Amino acid sequence: MVKKLETIKLIARSEKAARKTNKNMWSRIVEELSKPTRGKVEVNIDSIEKMAQKNKGKILLVPGKLLSSGTLTQKVTVVAASASTSAKEKIKSQKGEFINLKEFVLTPEKVETKNIIIVK
């Protein structure tokens, strides 16, 4: 099993966050990122739209890639390991925010895990 160097670094940072904060969410992210490539999470904007309607004001975390299929009609904050350019544009067009998981993991103590929904 060969993983990209970026993914290995992201897993290591997430493991460090799990140890530092002692919160289960970080361990779940590590588990998702450690899966083989064929089992990686890919989420479309349509799924983000549905989850955002159910969970107003929450941060939606995608432990994989965010794809642009679908439409977005509301402001959302999405954290993902990666995203297509058009998916980022759709989020920005609704005044939403896209945060790369790599940056999000750097300050785990500032993250309130009760406001985060993991989307698969």
C-alpha atoms as a PDB file:
ATOM      1  CA  MET A   1       0.000   0.000   0.000  1.00  0.00           C
ATOM      2  CA  VAL A   2       1.587   3.236  -1.181  1.00  0.00           C
ATOM      3  CA  LYS A   3       0.276   6.540   0.125  1.00  0.00           C
ATOM      4  CA  LYS A   4       1.085  10.005  -1.066  1.00  0.00           C
ATOM      5  CA  LEU A   5       3.479  11.949   1.136  1.00  0.00           C
ATOM      6  CA  GLU A   6       0.831  14.652   1.709  1.00  0.00           C
ATOM      7  CA  THR A   7      -1.622  12.044   3.028  1.00  0.00           C
ATOM      8  CA  ILE A   8       1.014  10.566   5.327  1.00  0.00           C
ATOM      9  CA  LYS A   9       1.773  14.017   6.751  1.00  0.00           C
ATOM     10  CA  LEU A  10      -1.936  14.734   7.193  1.00  0.00           C
ATOM     11  CA  ILE A  11      -2.442  11.433   9.043  1.00  0.00           C
ATOM     12  CA  ALA A  12       0.532  12.218  11.309  1.00  0.00           C
ATOM     13  CA  ARG A  13      -0.843  15.691  12.105  1.00  0.00           C
ATOM     14  CA  SER A  14      -4.287  14.235  12.825  1.00  0.00           C
ATOM     15  CA  GLU A  15      -2.774  11.595  15.127  1.00  0.00           C
ATOM     16  CA  LYS A  16      -0.908  14.339  16.965  1.00  0.00           C
ATOM     17  CA  ALA A  17      -4.169  16.287  17.317  1.00  0.00           C
ATOM     18  CA  ALA A  18      -5.881  13.149  18.667  1.00  0.00           C
ATOM     19  CA  ARG A  19      -3.188  12.705  21.319  1.00  0.00           C
ATOM     20  CA  LYS A  20      -3.088  16.399  22.173  1.00  0.00           C
ATOM     21  CA  THR A  21      -6.826  16.926  22.623  1.00  0.00           C
ATOM     22  CA  ASN A  22      -7.873  13.388  23.558  1.00  0.00           C
ATOM     23  CA  LYS A  23     -11.006  13.755  21.397  1.00  0.00           C
ATOM     24  CA  ASN A  24     -12.526  10.898  19.433  1.00  0.00           C
ATOM     25  CA  MET A  25     -13.218  12.964  16.312  1.00  0.00           C
ATOM     26  CA  TRP A  26      -9.533  13.213  15.415  1.00  0.00           C
ATOM     27  CA  SER A  27      -9.154   9.432  15.705  1.00  0.00           C
ATOM     28  CA  ARG A  28     -12.107   8.984  13.337  1.00  0.00           C
ATOM     29  CA  ILE A  29     -10.439  11.308  10.831  1.00  0.00           C
ATOM     30  CA  VAL A  30      -7.197   9.320  11.068  1.00  0.00           C
ATOM     31  CA  GLU A  31      -9.156   6.119  10.470  1.00  0.00           C
ATOM     32  CA  GLU A  32     -10.802   7.545   7.332  1.00  0.00           C
ATOM     33  CA  LEU A  33      -7.554   8.955   5.940  1.00  0.00           C
ATOM     34  CA  SER A  34      -5.741   5.660   6.531  1.00  0.00           C
ATOM     35  CA  LYS A  35      -8.077   3.675   4.290  1.00  0.00           C
ATOM     36  CA  PRO A  36      -6.821   2.388   0.946  1.00  0.00           C
ATOM     37  CA  THR A  37      -7.226   4.729  -2.025  1.00  0.00           C
ATOM     38  CA  ARG A  38     -10.194   2.800  -3.429  1.00  0.00           C
ATOM     39  CA  GLY A  39     -12.021   3.341  -0.128  1.00  0.00           C
ATOM     40  CA  LYS A  40     -11.405   7.093   0.081  1.00  0.00           C
ATOM     41  CA  VAL A  41     -14.323   9.381   0.704  1.00  0.00           C
ATOM     42  CA  GLU A  42     -15.603  11.510  -2.181  1.00  0.00           C
ATOM     43  CA  VAL A  43     -18.502  13.826  -1.425  1.00  0.00           C
ATOM     44  CA  ASN A  44     -20.491  15.966  -3.863  1.00  0.00           C
ATOM     45  CA  ILE A  45     -21.862  19.446  -3.232  1.00  0.00           C
ATOM     46  CA  ASP A  46     -25.370  17.894  -3.263  1.00  0.00           C
ATOM     47  CA  SER A  47     -24.513  15.919  -0.120  1.00  0.00           C
ATOM     48  CA  ILE A  48     -23.096  19.037   1.505  1.00  0.00           C
ATOM     49  CA  GLU A  49     -26.337  20.889   0.692  1.00  0.00           C
ATOM     50  CA  LYS A  50     -28.447  18.171   2.349  1.00  0.00           C
ATOM     51  CA  MET A  51     -26.238  17.995   5.441  1.00  0.00           C
ATOM     52  CA  ALA A  52     -26.170  21.788   5.753  1.00  0.00           C
ATOM     53  CA  GLN A  53     -29.976  21.920   5.767  1.00  0.00           C
ATOM     54  CA  LYS A  54     -30.111  19.392   8.623  1.00  0.00           C
ATOM     55  CA  ASN A  55     -27.212  20.922  10.585  1.00  0.00           C
ATOM     56  CA  LYS A  56     -27.463  24.706  10.383  1.00  0.00           C
ATOM     57  CA  GLY A  57     -24.377  26.540  11.619  1.00  0.00           C
ATOM     58  CA  LYS A  58     -22.200  23.420  11.905  1.00  0.00           C
ATOM     59  CA  ILE A  59     -18.854  22.847  10.219  1.00  0.00           C
ATOM     60  CA  LEU A  60     -19.037  20.017   7.674  1.00  0.00           C
ATOM     61  CA  LEU A  61     -15.828  17.962   7.564  1.00  0.00           C
ATOM     62  CA  VAL A  62     -15.033  15.726   4.575  1.00  0.00           C
ATOM     63  CA  PRO A  63     -12.130  13.335   5.276  1.00  0.00           C
ATOM     64  CA  GLY A  64     -11.499  13.023   1.561  1.00  0.00           C
ATOM     65  CA  LYS A  65     -12.226  14.955  -1.624  1.00  0.00           C
ATOM     66  CA  LEU A  66     -15.056  17.418  -2.209  1.00  0.00           C
ATOM     67  CA  LEU A  67     -16.480  17.260  -5.733  1.00  0.00           C
ATOM     68  CA  SER A  68     -18.612  19.863  -7.505  1.00  0.00           C
ATOM     69  CA  SER A  69     -21.614  17.858  -8.681  1.00  0.00           C
ATOM     70  CA  GLY A  70     -24.827  19.584  -7.642  1.00  0.00           C
ATOM     71  CA  THR A  71     -25.890  23.021  -6.531  1.00  0.00           C
ATOM     72  CA  LEU A  72     -25.389  24.889  -3.301  1.00  0.00           C
ATOM     73  CA  THR A  73     -28.022  27.364  -2.106  1.00  0.00           C
ATOM     74  CA  GLN A  74     -26.788  28.339   1.342  1.00  0.00           C
ATOM     75  CA  LYS A  75     -23.746  29.555   3.238  1.00  0.00           C
ATOM     76  CA  VAL A  76     -21.664  26.675   4.617  1.00  0.00           C
ATOM     77  CA  THR A  77     -18.270  26.099   6.174  1.00  0.00           C
ATOM     78  CA  VAL A  78     -16.594  23.015   4.728  1.00  0.00           C
ATOM     79  CA  VAL A  79     -13.328  21.420   5.792  1.00  0.00           C
ATOM     80  CA  ALA A  80     -11.922  18.828   3.383  1.00  0.00           C
ATOM     81  CA  ALA A  81      -8.643  17.093   2.626  1.00  0.00           C
ATOM     82  CA  SER A  82      -8.970  18.358  -0.957  1.00  0.00           C
ATOM     83  CA  ALA A  83     -11.564  19.873  -3.256  1.00  0.00           C
ATOM     84  CA  SER A  84     -12.060  20.547  -6.914  1.00  0.00           C
ATOM     85  CA  THR A  85     -11.702  24.137  -8.049  1.00  0.00           C
ATOM     86  CA  SER A  86     -15.345  24.342  -9.097  1.00  0.00           C
ATOM     87  CA  ALA A  87     -16.498  23.021  -5.694  1.00  0.00           C
ATOM     88  CA  LYS A  88     -14.518  25.783  -3.970  1.00  0.00           C
ATOM     89  CA  GLU A  89     -16.054  28.344  -6.316  1.00  0.00           C
ATOM     90  CA  LYS A  90     -19.576  27.120  -5.520  1.00  0.00           C
ATOM     91  CA  ILE A  91     -18.912  27.496  -1.798  1.00  0.00           C
ATOM     92  CA  LYS A  92     -17.460  30.998  -2.258  1.00  0.00           C
ATOM     93  CA  SER A  93     -20.378  32.062  -4.481  1.00  0.00           C
ATOM     94  CA  GLN A  94     -22.721  31.475  -1.514  1.00  0.00           C
ATOM     95  CA  LYS A  95     -20.406  33.447   0.831  1.00  0.00           C
ATOM     96  CA  GLY A  96     -19.326  30.179   2.448  1.00  0.00           C
ATOM     97  CA  GLU A  97     -15.872  29.155   3.571  1.00  0.00           C
ATOM     98  CA  PHE A  98     -13.601  26.307   2.469  1.00  0.00           C
ATOM     99  CA  ILE A  99     -10.809  25.263   4.836  1.00  0.00           C
ATOM    100  CA  ASN A 100      -8.168  22.741   3.914  1.00  0.00           C
ATOM    101  CA  LEU A 101      -7.948  19.897   6.450  1.00  0.00           C
ATOM    102  CA  LYS A 102      -4.171  20.333   6.551  1.00  0.00           C
ATOM    103  CA  GLU A 103      -4.607  23.859   7.976  1.00  0.00           C
ATOM    104  CA  PHE A 104      -7.529  22.854  10.199  1.00  0.00           C
ATOM    105  CA  VAL A 105      -5.458  20.185  11.971  1.00  0.00           C
ATOM    106  CA  LEU A 106      -2.736  22.641  12.963  1.00  0.00           C
ATOM    107  CA  THR A 107      -4.820  24.145  15.792  1.00  0.00           C
ATOM    108  CA  PRO A 108      -6.876  21.265  17.216  1.00  0.00           C
ATOM    109  CA  GLU A 109      -7.273  22.846  20.644  1.00  0.00           C
ATOM    110  CA  LYS A 110      -9.227  25.757  19.101  1.00  0.00           C
ATOM    111  CA  VAL A 111     -11.712  23.423  17.403  1.00  0.00           C
ATOM    112  CA  GLU A 112     -14.979  22.700  19.160  1.00  0.00           C
ATOM    113  CA  THR A 113     -15.760  19.147  18.126  1.00  0.00           C
ATOM    114  CA  LYS A 114     -19.444  19.456  19.036  1.00  0.00           C
ATOM    115  CA  ASN A 115     -19.856  21.882  16.094  1.00  0.00           C
ATOM    116  CA  ILE A 116     -18.352  19.496  13.534  1.00  0.00           C
ATOM    117  CA  ILE A 117     -20.233  16.953  11.427  1.00  0.00           C
ATOM    118  CA  ILE A 118     -18.171  14.352   9.540  1.00  0.00           C
ATOM    119  CA  VAL A 119     -19.646  13.808   6.059  1.00  0.00           C
ATOM    120  CA  LYS A 120     -18.992  10.552   4.224  1.00  0.00           C
END
